[in-house]
Amino acid sequence: LSATTVGIALGSGSLSGIVGRFLGGSFSDS
């Protein structure tokens, strides 16, 4: 894969990470 493609794929984890951190904060305080 190209460096740009790999960078996009690695960065995609941050999209679900945003959801995970939102849930992680809410779950932790629940």
PDB file of all heavy atoms in Angstrom:
ATOM      1  N   LEU A   1       0.842  -1.193   0.000  1.00  0.00           N
ATOM      2  CA  LEU A   1       0.000   0.000   0.000  1.00  0.00           C
ATOM      3  C   LEU A   1       0.877   1.243   0.000  1.00  0.00           C
ATOM      4  O   LEU A   1       2.036   1.214   0.428  1.00  0.00           O
ATOM      5  CB  LEU A   1      -0.914  -0.007   1.225  1.00  0.00           C
ATOM      6  CG  LEU A   1      -1.838  -1.230   1.376  1.00  0.00           C
ATOM      7  CD1 LEU A   1      -2.593  -1.157   2.687  1.00  0.00           C
ATOM      8  CD2 LEU A   1      -2.809  -1.315   0.208  1.00  0.00           C
ATOM      9  N   SER A   2       0.344   2.365  -0.470  1.00  0.00           N
ATOM     10  CA  SER A   2       1.109   3.604  -0.481  1.00  0.00           C
ATOM     11  C   SER A   2       1.172   4.196   0.923  1.00  0.00           C
ATOM     12  O   SER A   2       0.355   3.873   1.795  1.00  0.00           O
ATOM     13  CB  SER A   2       0.469   4.624  -1.422  1.00  0.00           C
ATOM     14  OG  SER A   2      -0.753   5.100  -0.875  1.00  0.00           O
ATOM     15  N   ALA A   3       2.150   5.098   1.141  1.00  0.00           N
ATOM     16  CA  ALA A   3       2.283   5.736   2.449  1.00  0.00           C
ATOM     17  C   ALA A   3       1.027   6.543   2.790  1.00  0.00           C
ATOM     18  O   ALA A   3       0.565   6.554   3.934  1.00  0.00           O
ATOM     19  CB  ALA A   3       3.516   6.636   2.468  1.00  0.00           C
ATOM     20  N   THR A   4       0.461   7.210   1.795  1.00  0.00           N
ATOM     21  CA  THR A   4      -0.765   7.982   2.032  1.00  0.00           C
ATOM     22  C   THR A   4      -1.923   7.074   2.415  1.00  0.00           C
ATOM     23  O   THR A   4      -2.684   7.368   3.354  1.00  0.00           O
ATOM     24  CB  THR A   4      -1.139   8.801   0.781  1.00  0.00           C
ATOM     25  OG1 THR A   4      -0.072   9.687   0.460  1.00  0.00           O
ATOM     26  CG2 THR A   4      -2.410   9.604   1.022  1.00  0.00           C
ATOM     27  N   THR A   5      -2.075   5.943   1.708  1.00  0.00           N
ATOM     28  CA  THR A   5      -3.156   5.005   1.993  1.00  0.00           C
ATOM     29  C   THR A   5      -3.024   4.430   3.399  1.00  0.00           C
ATOM     30  O   THR A   5      -4.009   4.332   4.147  1.00  0.00           O
ATOM     31  CB  THR A   5      -3.149   3.858   0.965  1.00  0.00           C
ATOM     32  OG1 THR A   5      -3.355   4.401  -0.333  1.00  0.00           O
ATOM     33  CG2 THR A   5      -4.245   2.849   1.274  1.00  0.00           C
ATOM     34  N   VAL A   6      -1.804   4.063   3.768  1.00  0.00           N
ATOM     35  CA  VAL A   6      -1.576   3.527   5.108  1.00  0.00           C
ATOM     36  C   VAL A   6      -1.843   4.602   6.155  1.00  0.00           C
ATOM     37  O   VAL A   6      -2.439   4.333   7.203  1.00  0.00           O
ATOM     38  CB  VAL A   6      -0.143   2.972   5.243  1.00  0.00           C
ATOM     39  CG1 VAL A   6       0.172   2.609   6.693  1.00  0.00           C
ATOM     40  CG2 VAL A   6       0.022   1.746   4.351  1.00  0.00           C
ATOM     41  N   GLY A   7      -1.430   5.835   5.877  1.00  0.00           N
ATOM     42  CA  GLY A   7      -1.707   6.918   6.807  1.00  0.00           C
ATOM     43  C   GLY A   7      -3.193   7.136   7.005  1.00  0.00           C
ATOM     44  O   GLY A   7      -3.662   7.341   8.128  1.00  0.00           O
ATOM     45  N   ILE A   8      -3.971   7.047   5.908  1.00  0.00           N
ATOM     46  CA  ILE A   8      -5.434   7.181   6.002  1.00  0.00           C
ATOM     47  C   ILE A   8      -6.025   6.034   6.824  1.00  0.00           C
ATOM     48  O   ILE A   8      -6.889   6.245   7.675  1.00  0.00           O
ATOM     49  CB  ILE A   8      -6.061   7.224   4.603  1.00  0.00           C
ATOM     50  CG1 ILE A   8      -5.678   8.530   3.897  1.00  0.00           C
ATOM     51  CG2 ILE A   8      -7.581   7.087   4.672  1.00  0.00           C
ATOM     52  CD1 ILE A   8      -6.063   8.579   2.429  1.00  0.00           C
ATOM     53  N   ALA A   9      -5.535   4.815   6.593  1.00  0.00           N
ATOM     54  CA  ALA A   9      -6.050   3.654   7.322  1.00  0.00           C
ATOM     55  C   ALA A   9      -5.732   3.756   8.806  1.00  0.00           C
ATOM     56  O   ALA A   9      -6.596   3.496   9.659  1.00  0.00           O
ATOM     57  CB  ALA A   9      -5.464   2.368   6.736  1.00  0.00           C
ATOM     58  N   LEU A  10      -4.479   4.143   9.129  1.00  0.00           N
ATOM     59  CA  LEU A  10      -4.123   4.303  10.535  1.00  0.00           C
ATOM     60  C   LEU A  10      -4.935   5.427  11.174  1.00  0.00           C
ATOM     61  O   LEU A  10      -5.372   5.323  12.327  1.00  0.00           O
ATOM     62  CB  LEU A  10      -2.630   4.597  10.671  1.00  0.00           C
ATOM     63  CG  LEU A  10      -1.666   3.473  10.270  1.00  0.00           C
ATOM     64  CD1 LEU A  10      -0.230   3.950  10.351  1.00  0.00           C
ATOM     65  CD2 LEU A  10      -1.874   2.235  11.135  1.00  0.00           C
ATOM     66  N   GLY A  11      -5.157   6.489  10.423  1.00  0.00           N
ATOM     67  CA  GLY A  11      -5.952   7.590  10.939  1.00  0.00           C
ATOM     68  C   GLY A  11      -7.416   7.248  11.118  1.00  0.00           C
ATOM     69  O   GLY A  11      -8.106   7.842  11.946  1.00  0.00           O
ATOM     70  N   SER A  12      -7.905   6.246  10.344  1.00  0.00           N
ATOM     71  CA  SER A  12      -9.327   5.868  10.452  1.00  0.00           C
ATOM     72  C   SER A  12      -9.665   5.343  11.839  1.00  0.00           C
ATOM     73  O   SER A  12     -10.814   5.458  12.296  1.00  0.00           O
ATOM     74  CB  SER A  12      -9.670   4.811   9.395  1.00  0.00           C
ATOM     75  OG  SER A  12      -9.074   3.556   9.700  1.00  0.00           O
ATOM     76  N   GLY A  13      -8.658   4.762  12.508  1.00  0.00           N
ATOM     77  CA  GLY A  13      -8.904   4.282  13.866  1.00  0.00           C
ATOM     78  C   GLY A  13      -9.293   5.396  14.809  1.00  0.00           C
ATOM     79  O   GLY A  13      -9.956   5.156  15.826  1.00  0.00           O
ATOM     80  N   SER A  14      -8.892   6.620  14.467  1.00  0.00           N
ATOM     81  CA  SER A  14      -9.261   7.752  15.306  1.00  0.00           C
ATOM     82  C   SER A  14     -10.744   8.081  15.210  1.00  0.00           C
ATOM     83  O   SER A  14     -11.322   8.644  16.141  1.00  0.00           O
ATOM     84  CB  SER A  14      -8.434   8.975  14.925  1.00  0.00           C
ATOM     85  OG  SER A  14      -7.077   8.749  15.189  1.00  0.00           O
ATOM     86  N   LEU A  15     -11.377   7.746  14.074  1.00  0.00           N
ATOM     87  CA  LEU A  15     -12.821   7.997  13.948  1.00  0.00           C
ATOM     88  C   LEU A  15     -13.596   7.143  14.941  1.00  0.00           C
ATOM     89  O   LEU A  15     -14.456   7.633  15.676  1.00  0.00           O
ATOM     90  CB  LEU A  15     -13.269   7.697  12.513  1.00  0.00           C
ATOM     91  CG  LEU A  15     -12.695   8.595  11.424  1.00  0.00           C
ATOM     92  CD1 LEU A  15     -13.123   8.095  10.042  1.00  0.00           C
ATOM     93  CD2 LEU A  15     -13.150  10.035  11.642  1.00  0.00           C
ATOM     94  N   SER A  16     -13.292   5.836  14.963  1.00  0.00           N
ATOM     95  CA  SER A  16     -13.948   4.974  15.946  1.00  0.00           C
ATOM     96  C   SER A  16     -13.441   5.285  17.349  1.00  0.00           C
ATOM     97  O   SER A  16     -14.153   5.094  18.343  1.00  0.00           O
ATOM     98  CB  SER A  16     -13.693   3.501  15.616  1.00  0.00           C
ATOM     99  OG  SER A  16     -12.312   3.231  15.553  1.00  0.00           O
ATOM    100  N   GLY A  17     -12.187   5.806  17.428  1.00  0.00           N
ATOM    101  CA  GLY A  17     -11.667   6.198  18.729  1.00  0.00           C
ATOM    102  C   GLY A  17     -12.463   7.324  19.354  1.00  0.00           C
ATOM    103  O   GLY A  17     -12.628   7.383  20.569  1.00  0.00           O
ATOM    104  N   ILE A  18     -12.971   8.226  18.519  1.00  0.00           N
ATOM    105  CA  ILE A  18     -13.810   9.306  19.032  1.00  0.00           C
ATOM    106  C   ILE A  18     -15.073   8.732  19.664  1.00  0.00           C
ATOM    107  O   ILE A  18     -15.486   9.124  20.759  1.00  0.00           O
ATOM    108  CB  ILE A  18     -14.155  10.286  17.894  1.00  0.00           C
ATOM    109  CG1 ILE A  18     -12.899  11.051  17.462  1.00  0.00           C
ATOM    110  CG2 ILE A  18     -15.254  11.259  18.313  1.00  0.00           C
ATOM    111  CD1 ILE A  18     -13.071  11.889  16.223  1.00  0.00           C
ATOM    112  N   VAL A  19     -15.689   7.768  18.962  1.00  0.00           N
ATOM    113  CA  VAL A  19     -16.875   7.104  19.512  1.00  0.00           C
ATOM    114  C   VAL A  19     -16.511   6.353  20.793  1.00  0.00           C
ATOM    115  O   VAL A  19     -17.223   6.419  21.804  1.00  0.00           O
ATOM    116  CB  VAL A  19     -17.475   6.122  18.477  1.00  0.00           C
ATOM    117  CG1 VAL A  19     -18.661   5.375  19.066  1.00  0.00           C
ATOM    118  CG2 VAL A  19     -17.895   6.886  17.220  1.00  0.00           C
ATOM    119  N   GLY A  20     -15.381   5.627  20.750  1.00  0.00           N
ATOM    120  CA  GLY A  20     -14.957   4.864  21.922  1.00  0.00           C
ATOM    121  C   GLY A  20     -14.694   5.741  23.127  1.00  0.00           C
ATOM    122  O   GLY A  20     -15.055   5.389  24.254  1.00  0.00           O
ATOM    123  N   ARG A  21     -14.083   6.891  22.917  1.00  0.00           N
ATOM    124  CA  ARG A  21     -13.794   7.790  24.035  1.00  0.00           C
ATOM    125  C   ARG A  21     -15.068   8.410  24.589  1.00  0.00           C
ATOM    126  O   ARG A  21     -15.186   8.608  25.798  1.00  0.00           O
ATOM    127  CB  ARG A  21     -12.807   8.866  23.577  1.00  0.00           C
ATOM    128  CG  ARG A  21     -11.390   8.328  23.422  1.00  0.00           C
ATOM    129  CD  ARG A  21     -10.515   9.266  22.603  1.00  0.00           C
ATOM    130  NE  ARG A  21      -9.117   8.891  22.619  1.00  0.00           N
ATOM    131  CZ  ARG A  21      -8.585   7.951  21.837  1.00  0.00           C
ATOM    132  NH1 ARG A  21      -9.343   7.313  20.951  1.00  0.00           N
ATOM    133  NH2 ARG A  21      -7.298   7.655  21.917  1.00  0.00           N
ATOM    134  N   PHE A  22     -16.015   8.703  23.717  1.00  0.00           N
ATOM    135  CA  PHE A  22     -17.309   9.207  24.184  1.00  0.00           C
ATOM    136  C   PHE A  22     -17.994   8.155  25.062  1.00  0.00           C
ATOM    137  O   PHE A  22     -18.453   8.448  26.175  1.00  0.00           O
ATOM    138  CB  PHE A  22     -18.194   9.560  22.985  1.00  0.00           C
ATOM    139  CG  PHE A  22     -19.587   9.984  23.360  1.00  0.00           C
ATOM    140  CD1 PHE A  22     -19.844  11.294  23.727  1.00  0.00           C
ATOM    141  CD2 PHE A  22     -20.642   9.073  23.351  1.00  0.00           C
ATOM    142  CE1 PHE A  22     -21.134  11.691  24.086  1.00  0.00           C
ATOM    143  CE2 PHE A  22     -21.922   9.455  23.710  1.00  0.00           C
ATOM    144  CZ  PHE A  22     -22.176  10.774  24.079  1.00  0.00           C
ATOM    145  N   LEU A  23     -18.030   6.916  24.569  1.00  0.00           N
ATOM    146  CA  LEU A  23     -18.637   5.839  25.352  1.00  0.00           C
ATOM    147  C   LEU A  23     -17.824   5.546  26.603  1.00  0.00           C
ATOM    148  O   LEU A  23     -18.393   5.282  27.670  1.00  0.00           O
ATOM    149  CB  LEU A  23     -18.751   4.573  24.492  1.00  0.00           C
ATOM    150  CG  LEU A  23     -19.690   4.651  23.283  1.00  0.00           C
ATOM    151  CD1 LEU A  23     -19.601   3.372  22.461  1.00  0.00           C
ATOM    152  CD2 LEU A  23     -21.127   4.909  23.729  1.00  0.00           C
ATOM    153  N   GLY A  24     -16.480   5.586  26.478  1.00  0.00           N
ATOM    154  CA  GLY A  24     -15.631   5.302  27.621  1.00  0.00           C
ATOM    155  C   GLY A  24     -15.848   6.284  28.751  1.00  0.00           C
ATOM    156  O   GLY A  24     -15.894   5.897  29.926  1.00  0.00           O
ATOM    157  N   GLY A  25     -15.993   7.564  28.425  1.00  0.00           N
ATOM    158  CA  GLY A  25     -16.255   8.551  29.459  1.00  0.00           C
ATOM    159  C   GLY A  25     -17.615   8.363  30.100  1.00  0.00           C
ATOM    160  O   GLY A  25     -17.761   8.424  31.324  1.00  0.00           O
ATOM    161  N   SER A  26     -18.626   8.118  29.272  1.00  0.00           N
ATOM    162  CA  SER A  26     -19.986   7.929  29.801  1.00  0.00           C
ATOM    163  C   SER A  26     -20.074   6.648  30.631  1.00  0.00           C
ATOM    164  O   SER A  26     -20.661   6.638  31.711  1.00  0.00           O
ATOM    165  CB  SER A  26     -20.988   7.870  28.642  1.00  0.00           C
ATOM    166  OG  SER A  26     -20.995   9.081  27.921  1.00  0.00           O
ATOM    167  N   PHE A  27     -19.503   5.556  30.118  1.00  0.00           N
ATOM    168  CA  PHE A  27     -19.530   4.287  30.852  1.00  0.00           C
ATOM    169  C   PHE A  27     -18.782   4.397  32.180  1.00  0.00           C
ATOM    170  O   PHE A  27     -19.229   3.874  33.201  1.00  0.00           O
ATOM    171  CB  PHE A  27     -18.900   3.171  30.016  1.00  0.00           C
ATOM    172  CG  PHE A  27     -19.725   2.724  28.840  1.00  0.00           C
ATOM    173  CD1 PHE A  27     -19.238   1.781  27.950  1.00  0.00           C
ATOM    174  CD2 PHE A  27     -20.991   3.242  28.608  1.00  0.00           C
ATOM    175  CE1 PHE A  27     -19.982   1.357  26.868  1.00  0.00           C
ATOM    176  CE2 PHE A  27     -21.754   2.835  27.518  1.00  0.00           C
ATOM    177  CZ  PHE A  27     -21.240   1.889  26.644  1.00  0.00           C
ATOM    178  N   SER A  28     -17.624   5.075  32.165  1.00  0.00           N
ATOM    179  CA  SER A  28     -16.809   5.177  33.376  1.00  0.00           C
ATOM    180  C   SER A  28     -17.530   5.917  34.486  1.00  0.00           C
ATOM    181  O   SER A  28     -17.371   5.591  35.669  1.00  0.00           O
ATOM    182  CB  SER A  28     -15.488   5.892  33.063  1.00  0.00           C
ATOM    183  OG  SER A  28     -14.702   5.138  32.175  1.00  0.00           O
ATOM    184  N   ASP A  29     -18.328   6.931  34.133  1.00  0.00           N
ATOM    185  CA  ASP A  29     -19.048   7.719  35.134  1.00  0.00           C
ATOM    186  C   ASP A  29     -20.441   7.170  35.434  1.00  0.00           C
ATOM    187  O   ASP A  29     -21.182   7.771  36.217  1.00  0.00           O
ATOM    188  CB  ASP A  29     -19.171   9.173  34.662  1.00  0.00           C
ATOM    189  CG  ASP A  29     -17.858   9.930  34.771  1.00  0.00           C
ATOM    190  OD1 ASP A  29     -16.968   9.466  35.506  1.00  0.00           O
ATOM    191  OD2 ASP A  29     -17.715  10.983  34.113  1.00  0.00           O
ATOM    192  N   SER A  30     -20.792   6.045  34.814  1.00  0.00           N
ATOM    193  CA  SER A  30     -22.119   5.454  35.029  1.00  0.00           C
ATOM    194  C   SER A  30     -22.080   4.437  36.159  1.00  0.00           C
ATOM    195  O   SER A  30     -21.234   3.543  36.181  1.00  0.00           O
ATOM    196  CB  SER A  30     -22.589   4.766  33.745  1.00  0.00           C
ATOM    197  OG  SER A  30     -23.740   3.984  33.992  1.00  0.00           O
TER     198      SER A  30
END
